Amino acid sequence: MIAHLKGRLDATGVDYAVIDVGGVGYFVGASARTLAAIGPVGEAAMLHTEMLVAEDSIRLVGFARAEERDWFRLLTGVQGVGSRVALAILSALDTAEIARAVSAQDKAMVARANGVGPKLAERIVRELKDKVGTVALGPAAAAQVMPAGAAADAVSALLNLGFRPAEAASAVGAAEEDLGPAATLDALVRLALRKAAK
């Protein structure tokens, strides 16, 4: 499994980027938001990635932030949402907007994405409601949903262990409060797991 790519941005298209890592060009599908965030062609770039394996293909999808990748995983877990539709949603809405739409059951907001009709939007907000938990609205909630740096990686680690996004963010937030902003990823994950177990 390829977790991330770090190299030089070689080229971009409408829905992809090519990252040159040590002379090997990786073709990576991406949302419009990710493409806007990774910087100009020729410069250093880093993308979090998800590898999609099918019977006849292996593809990489890239994300500017780990929480985008986590939302991609949640979205593609909904029946009828493939990688293209998930990327369309991540192009239309940022992660805080998706969290607000799901917690408020706002299917119209999700339906703004290309390829998402009213029925699919309703299924997305309904199925993800239990997985995301109740997320309060406002800037403080956005900060809680979207931590940065080691905290974001710690949340991602807890999500990979099966925690819900709200639970993971809460446990990591509590751990970061105890350890301070300079805490290492390892320390954050260990303490967050202890706090989540209480």
C-alpha atoms as a PDB file:
ATOM      1  CA  MET A   1       0.000   0.000   0.000  1.00  0.00           C
ATOM      2  CA  ILE A   2       1.321   3.449  -0.923  1.00  0.00           C
ATOM      3  CA  ALA A   3       0.415   5.922   1.857  1.00  0.00           C
ATOM      4  CA  HIS A   4       1.888   9.074   0.321  1.00  0.00           C
ATOM      5  CA  LEU A   5       4.062  10.393  -2.483  1.00  0.00           C
ATOM      6  CA  LYS A   6       6.697  13.079  -2.042  1.00  0.00           C
ATOM      7  CA  GLY A   7       8.503  14.403  -5.099  1.00  0.00           C
ATOM      8  CA  ARG A   8       8.192  16.984  -7.894  1.00  0.00           C
ATOM      9  CA  LEU A   9       4.913  17.905  -9.516  1.00  0.00           C
ATOM     10  CA  ASP A  10       5.500  16.959 -13.142  1.00  0.00           C
ATOM     11  CA  ALA A  11       2.107  17.720 -14.703  1.00  0.00           C
ATOM     12  CA  THR A  12      -1.555  18.272 -13.902  1.00  0.00           C
ATOM     13  CA  GLY A  13      -4.827  17.763 -15.776  1.00  0.00           C
ATOM     14  CA  VAL A  14      -8.496  18.335 -15.043  1.00  0.00           C
ATOM     15  CA  ASP A  15      -8.652  15.454 -12.561  1.00  0.00           C
ATOM     16  CA  TYR A  16      -5.103  14.164 -12.093  1.00  0.00           C
ATOM     17  CA  ALA A  17      -1.511  15.007 -11.224  1.00  0.00           C
ATOM     18  CA  VAL A  18       1.770  13.319 -12.147  1.00  0.00           C
ATOM     19  CA  ILE A  19       4.287  13.246  -9.285  1.00  0.00           C
ATOM     20  CA  ASP A  20       7.903  12.446 -10.156  1.00  0.00           C
ATOM     21  CA  VAL A  21       9.444  10.449  -7.304  1.00  0.00           C
ATOM     22  CA  GLY A  22      13.077   9.576  -8.000  1.00  0.00           C
ATOM     23  CA  GLY A  23      12.555   9.488 -11.752  1.00  0.00           C
ATOM     24  CA  VAL A  24       9.313   7.489 -11.635  1.00  0.00           C
ATOM     25  CA  GLY A  25       6.153   9.366 -12.625  1.00  0.00           C
ATOM     26  CA  TYR A  26       3.082   8.402 -10.568  1.00  0.00           C
ATOM     27  CA  PHE A  27      -0.278   9.181 -12.217  1.00  0.00           C
ATOM     28  CA  VAL A  28      -2.619  10.174  -9.379  1.00  0.00           C
ATOM     29  CA  GLY A  29      -6.337  10.987  -9.617  1.00  0.00           C
ATOM     30  CA  ALA A  30      -7.257  14.071  -7.578  1.00  0.00           C
ATOM     31  CA  SER A  31     -10.066  16.460  -6.686  1.00  0.00           C
ATOM     32  CA  ALA A  32     -10.087  20.059  -7.905  1.00  0.00           C
ATOM     33  CA  ARG A  33      -9.331  21.229  -4.341  1.00  0.00           C
ATOM     34  CA  THR A  34      -6.267  18.994  -4.096  1.00  0.00           C
ATOM     35  CA  LEU A  35      -4.994  20.130  -7.494  1.00  0.00           C
ATOM     36  CA  ALA A  36      -5.398  23.764  -6.422  1.00  0.00           C
ATOM     37  CA  ALA A  37      -3.559  23.118  -3.141  1.00  0.00           C
ATOM     38  CA  ILE A  38      -0.467  21.200  -4.291  1.00  0.00           C
ATOM     39  CA  GLY A  39       1.301  24.117  -5.947  1.00  0.00           C
ATOM     40  CA  PRO A  40       2.817  24.854  -9.349  1.00  0.00           C
ATOM     41  CA  VAL A  41       4.255  22.341 -11.820  1.00  0.00           C
ATOM     42  CA  GLY A  42       7.992  21.884 -11.304  1.00  0.00           C
ATOM     43  CA  GLU A  43       7.849  22.453  -7.542  1.00  0.00           C
ATOM     44  CA  ALA A  44       8.076  19.954  -4.676  1.00  0.00           C
ATOM     45  CA  ALA A  45       4.774  18.287  -3.831  1.00  0.00           C
ATOM     46  CA  MET A  46       3.425  15.763  -1.346  1.00  0.00           C
ATOM     47  CA  LEU A  47       0.137  13.890  -1.619  1.00  0.00           C
ATOM     48  CA  HIS A  48      -1.537  11.465   0.783  1.00  0.00           C
ATOM     49  CA  THR A  49      -2.734   8.561  -1.347  1.00  0.00           C
ATOM     50  CA  GLU A  50      -5.282   5.778  -1.503  1.00  0.00           C
ATOM     51  CA  MET A  51      -4.587   2.762  -3.731  1.00  0.00           C
ATOM     52  CA  LEU A  52      -7.618   1.381  -5.558  1.00  0.00           C
ATOM     53  CA  VAL A  53      -7.248  -2.208  -6.720  1.00  0.00           C
ATOM     54  CA  ALA A  54      -9.756  -3.664  -9.193  1.00  0.00           C
ATOM     55  CA  GLU A  55      -9.723  -6.843 -11.293  1.00  0.00           C
ATOM     56  CA  ASP A  56      -8.269  -5.040 -14.288  1.00  0.00           C
ATOM     57  CA  SER A  57      -6.469  -2.028 -12.813  1.00  0.00           C
ATOM     58  CA  ILE A  58      -4.536  -0.477  -9.955  1.00  0.00           C
ATOM     59  CA  ARG A  59      -4.977   3.277  -9.492  1.00  0.00           C
ATOM     60  CA  LEU A  60      -3.765   5.910  -7.070  1.00  0.00           C
ATOM     61  CA  VAL A  61      -5.911   8.758  -5.794  1.00  0.00           C
ATOM     62  CA  GLY A  62      -4.157  11.681  -4.087  1.00  0.00           C
ATOM     63  CA  PHE A  63      -5.161  14.210  -1.455  1.00  0.00           C
ATOM     64  CA  ALA A  64      -3.582  17.417  -0.194  1.00  0.00           C
ATOM     65  CA  ARG A  65      -4.611  16.602   3.399  1.00  0.00           C
ATOM     66  CA  ALA A  66      -5.038  13.314   5.288  1.00  0.00           C
ATOM     67  CA  GLU A  67      -8.594  14.209   6.344  1.00  0.00           C
ATOM     68  CA  GLU A  68      -9.594  14.441   2.662  1.00  0.00           C
ATOM     69  CA  ARG A  69      -8.354  10.874   2.216  1.00  0.00           C
ATOM     70  CA  ASP A  70     -10.341   9.808   5.286  1.00  0.00           C
ATOM     71  CA  TRP A  71     -13.516  11.365   3.850  1.00  0.00           C
ATOM     72  CA  PHE A  72     -12.813   9.679   0.503  1.00  0.00           C
ATOM     73  CA  ARG A  73     -12.743   6.323   2.318  1.00  0.00           C
ATOM     74  CA  LEU A  74     -16.025   7.092   4.096  1.00  0.00           C
ATOM     75  CA  LEU A  75     -17.719   8.299   0.906  1.00  0.00           C
ATOM     76  CA  THR A  76     -16.661   5.302  -1.187  1.00  0.00           C
ATOM     77  CA  GLY A  77     -18.029   3.047   1.555  1.00  0.00           C
ATOM     78  CA  VAL A  78     -21.532   4.248   0.639  1.00  0.00           C
ATOM     79  CA  GLN A  79     -23.299   2.050  -1.933  1.00  0.00           C
ATOM     80  CA  GLY A  80     -23.372   3.801  -5.315  1.00  0.00           C
ATOM     81  CA  VAL A  81     -20.431   6.113  -4.555  1.00  0.00           C
ATOM     82  CA  GLY A  82     -17.381   5.237  -6.630  1.00  0.00           C
ATOM     83  CA  SER A  83     -14.061   7.047  -6.707  1.00  0.00           C
ATOM     84  CA  ARG A  84     -15.197   9.551  -9.370  1.00  0.00           C
ATOM     85  CA  VAL A  85     -18.295  10.593  -7.417  1.00  0.00           C
ATOM     86  CA  ALA A  86     -16.296  10.815  -4.157  1.00  0.00           C
ATOM     87  CA  LEU A  87     -13.740  13.087  -5.874  1.00  0.00           C
ATOM     88  CA  ALA A  88     -16.568  15.202  -7.309  1.00  0.00           C
ATOM     89  CA  ILE A  89     -17.942  15.685  -3.778  1.00  0.00           C
ATOM     90  CA  LEU A  90     -14.463  16.565  -2.456  1.00  0.00           C
ATOM     91  CA  SER A  91     -14.108  19.037  -5.350  1.00  0.00           C
ATOM     92  CA  ALA A  92     -17.436  20.734  -4.545  1.00  0.00           C
ATOM     93  CA  LEU A  93     -17.198  20.740  -0.737  1.00  0.00           C
ATOM     94  CA  ASP A  94     -14.307  20.964   1.697  1.00  0.00           C
ATOM     95  CA  THR A  95     -14.122  18.471   4.564  1.00  0.00           C
ATOM     96  CA  ALA A  96     -15.748  20.834   7.088  1.00  0.00           C
ATOM     97  CA  GLU A  97     -18.662  21.434   4.699  1.00  0.00           C
ATOM     98  CA  ILE A  98     -19.148  17.690   4.193  1.00  0.00           C
ATOM     99  CA  ALA A  99     -19.111  17.144   7.974  1.00  0.00           C
ATOM    100  CA  ARG A 100     -21.700  19.911   8.435  1.00  0.00           C
ATOM    101  CA  ALA A 101     -23.882  18.533   5.617  1.00  0.00           C
ATOM    102  CA  VAL A 102     -23.821  15.034   7.114  1.00  0.00           C
ATOM    103  CA  SER A 103     -24.467  16.151  10.707  1.00  0.00           C
ATOM    104  CA  ALA A 104     -27.331  18.429   9.563  1.00  0.00           C
ATOM    105  CA  GLN A 105     -28.609  15.777   7.088  1.00  0.00           C
ATOM    106  CA  ASP A 106     -28.395  18.472   4.368  1.00  0.00           C
ATOM    107  CA  LYS A 107     -28.725  16.370   1.203  1.00  0.00           C
ATOM    108  CA  ALA A 108     -29.108  19.492  -0.986  1.00  0.00           C
ATOM    109  CA  MET A 109     -25.584  20.579  -0.042  1.00  0.00           C
ATOM    110  CA  VAL A 110     -24.126  17.194  -1.054  1.00  0.00           C
ATOM    111  CA  ALA A 111     -26.181  17.206  -4.275  1.00  0.00           C
ATOM    112  CA  ARG A 112     -24.211  20.276  -5.448  1.00  0.00           C
ATOM    113  CA  ALA A 113     -21.451  17.898  -6.580  1.00  0.00           C
ATOM    114  CA  ASN A 114     -21.431  16.712 -10.201  1.00  0.00           C
ATOM    115  CA  GLY A 115     -22.980  13.265 -10.613  1.00  0.00           C
ATOM    116  CA  VAL A 116     -24.796  13.306  -7.258  1.00  0.00           C
ATOM    117  CA  GLY A 117     -28.576  13.177  -7.587  1.00  0.00           C
ATOM    118  CA  PRO A 118     -31.082  13.720  -4.759  1.00  0.00           C
ATOM    119  CA  LYS A 119     -31.468   9.992  -3.974  1.00  0.00           C
ATOM    120  CA  LEU A 120     -27.717   9.379  -3.767  1.00  0.00           C
ATOM    121  CA  ALA A 121     -27.217  12.564  -1.699  1.00  0.00           C
ATOM    122  CA  GLU A 122     -29.877  11.347   0.741  1.00  0.00           C
ATOM    123  CA  ARG A 123     -28.197   7.937   1.019  1.00  0.00           C
ATOM    124  CA  ILE A 124     -24.795   9.565   1.638  1.00  0.00           C
ATOM    125  CA  VAL A 125     -25.962  11.806   4.493  1.00  0.00           C
ATOM    126  CA  ARG A 126     -28.085   9.014   6.008  1.00  0.00           C
ATOM    127  CA  GLU A 127     -25.380   6.306   5.922  1.00  0.00           C
ATOM    128  CA  LEU A 128     -22.543   8.577   7.065  1.00  0.00           C
ATOM    129  CA  LYS A 129     -24.527  10.108   9.952  1.00  0.00           C
ATOM    130  CA  ASP A 130     -23.726   7.122  12.212  1.00  0.00           C
ATOM    131  CA  LYS A 131     -20.113   6.913  11.079  1.00  0.00           C
ATOM    132  CA  VAL A 132     -19.355  10.581  11.594  1.00  0.00           C
ATOM    133  CA  GLY A 133     -21.325  11.145  14.785  1.00  0.00           C
ATOM    134  CA  THR A 134     -22.774  14.485  15.767  1.00  0.00           C
ATOM    135  CA  VAL A 135     -20.470  17.330  14.795  1.00  0.00           C
ATOM    136  CA  ALA A 136     -21.216  20.744  16.238  1.00  0.00           C
ATOM    137  CA  LEU A 137     -21.265  23.593  13.764  1.00  0.00           C
ATOM    138  CA  GLY A 138     -18.958  26.610  13.715  1.00  0.00           C
ATOM    139  CA  PRO A 139     -15.225  27.431  13.472  1.00  0.00           C
ATOM    140  CA  ALA A 140     -14.318  25.551  16.669  1.00  0.00           C
ATOM    141  CA  ALA A 141     -15.923  22.398  15.258  1.00  0.00           C
ATOM    142  CA  ALA A 142     -14.152  22.860  11.940  1.00  0.00           C
ATOM    143  CA  ALA A 143     -10.856  23.018  13.810  1.00  0.00           C
ATOM    144  CA  GLN A 144     -11.790  19.867  15.727  1.00  0.00           C
ATOM    145  CA  VAL A 145     -12.786  18.019  12.539  1.00  0.00           C
ATOM    146  CA  MET A 146      -9.674  19.127  10.660  1.00  0.00           C
ATOM    147  CA  PRO A 147      -6.547  18.964  12.852  1.00  0.00           C
ATOM    148  CA  ALA A 148      -3.174  19.614  11.247  1.00  0.00           C
ATOM    149  CA  GLY A 149       0.291  18.032  11.270  1.00  0.00           C
ATOM    150  CA  ALA A 150       0.934  15.163  13.691  1.00  0.00           C
ATOM    151  CA  ALA A 151      -2.613  15.484  15.043  1.00  0.00           C
ATOM    152  CA  ALA A 152      -4.070  14.892  11.554  1.00  0.00           C
ATOM    153  CA  ASP A 153      -1.874  11.823  11.123  1.00  0.00           C
ATOM    154  CA  ALA A 154      -2.918  10.568  14.576  1.00  0.00           C
ATOM    155  CA  VAL A 155      -6.605  10.968  13.671  1.00  0.00           C
ATOM    156  CA  SER A 156      -5.915   9.090  10.425  1.00  0.00           C
ATOM    157  CA  ALA A 157      -4.236   6.284  12.401  1.00  0.00           C
ATOM    158  CA  LEU A 158      -7.263   5.951  14.694  1.00  0.00           C
ATOM    159  CA  LEU A 159      -9.619   5.942  11.697  1.00  0.00           C
ATOM    160  CA  ASN A 160      -7.590   3.081  10.223  1.00  0.00           C
ATOM    161  CA  LEU A 161      -8.133   1.210  13.505  1.00  0.00           C
ATOM    162  CA  GLY A 162     -11.905   1.519  13.080  1.00  0.00           C
ATOM    163  CA  PHE A 163     -12.713   4.610  15.157  1.00  0.00           C
ATOM    164  CA  ARG A 164     -15.401   7.005  13.940  1.00  0.00           C
ATOM    165  CA  PRO A 165     -14.084  10.419  12.772  1.00  0.00           C
ATOM    166  CA  ALA A 166     -15.729  12.287  15.673  1.00  0.00           C
ATOM    167  CA  GLU A 167     -14.327   9.797  18.234  1.00  0.00           C
ATOM    168  CA  ALA A 168     -10.855   9.912  16.682  1.00  0.00           C
ATOM    169  CA  ALA A 169     -10.794  13.731  16.573  1.00  0.00           C
ATOM    170  CA  SER A 170     -12.004  13.957  20.178  1.00  0.00           C
ATOM    171  CA  ALA A 171      -9.441  11.451  21.522  1.00  0.00           C
ATOM    172  CA  VAL A 172      -6.551  13.046  19.614  1.00  0.00           C
ATOM    173  CA  GLY A 173      -7.680  16.531  20.691  1.00  0.00           C
ATOM    174  CA  ALA A 174      -7.653  15.447  24.345  1.00  0.00           C
ATOM    175  CA  ALA A 175      -4.232  13.828  23.912  1.00  0.00           C
ATOM    176  CA  GLU A 176      -2.824  16.940  22.237  1.00  0.00           C
ATOM    177  CA  GLU A 177      -4.192  19.081  25.087  1.00  0.00           C
ATOM    178  CA  ASP A 178      -2.220  16.978  27.583  1.00  0.00           C
ATOM    179  CA  LEU A 179       0.967  16.656  25.534  1.00  0.00           C
ATOM    180  CA  GLY A 180       1.100  20.090  23.881  1.00  0.00           C
ATOM    181  CA  PRO A 181       1.450  21.099  20.202  1.00  0.00           C
ATOM    182  CA  ALA A 182       4.998  19.707  19.868  1.00  0.00           C
ATOM    183  CA  ALA A 183       3.883  16.131  20.628  1.00  0.00           C
ATOM    184  CA  THR A 184       5.154  13.380  18.333  1.00  0.00           C
ATOM    185  CA  LEU A 185       2.793  11.230  16.267  1.00  0.00           C
ATOM    186  CA  ASP A 186       3.689   8.127  18.294  1.00  0.00           C
ATOM    187  CA  ALA A 187       2.968   9.827  21.626  1.00  0.00           C
ATOM    188  CA  LEU A 188      -0.317  11.279  20.351  1.00  0.00           C
ATOM    189  CA  VAL A 189      -1.574   7.921  19.079  1.00  0.00           C
ATOM    190  CA  ARG A 190      -0.647   6.081  22.304  1.00  0.00           C
ATOM    191  CA  LEU A 191      -2.318   8.631  24.565  1.00  0.00           C
ATOM    192  CA  ALA A 192      -5.354   9.000  22.280  1.00  0.00           C
ATOM    193  CA  LEU A 193      -5.884   5.225  22.415  1.00  0.00           C
ATOM    194  CA  ARG A 194      -5.735   5.294  26.222  1.00  0.00           C
ATOM    195  CA  LYS A 195      -8.223   8.175  26.360  1.00  0.00           C
ATOM    196  CA  ALA A 196     -10.583   6.500  23.888  1.00  0.00           C
ATOM    197  CA  ALA A 197     -10.537   3.321  25.992  1.00  0.00           C
ATOM    198  CA  LYS A 198     -11.796   5.147  29.127  1.00  0.00           C
END
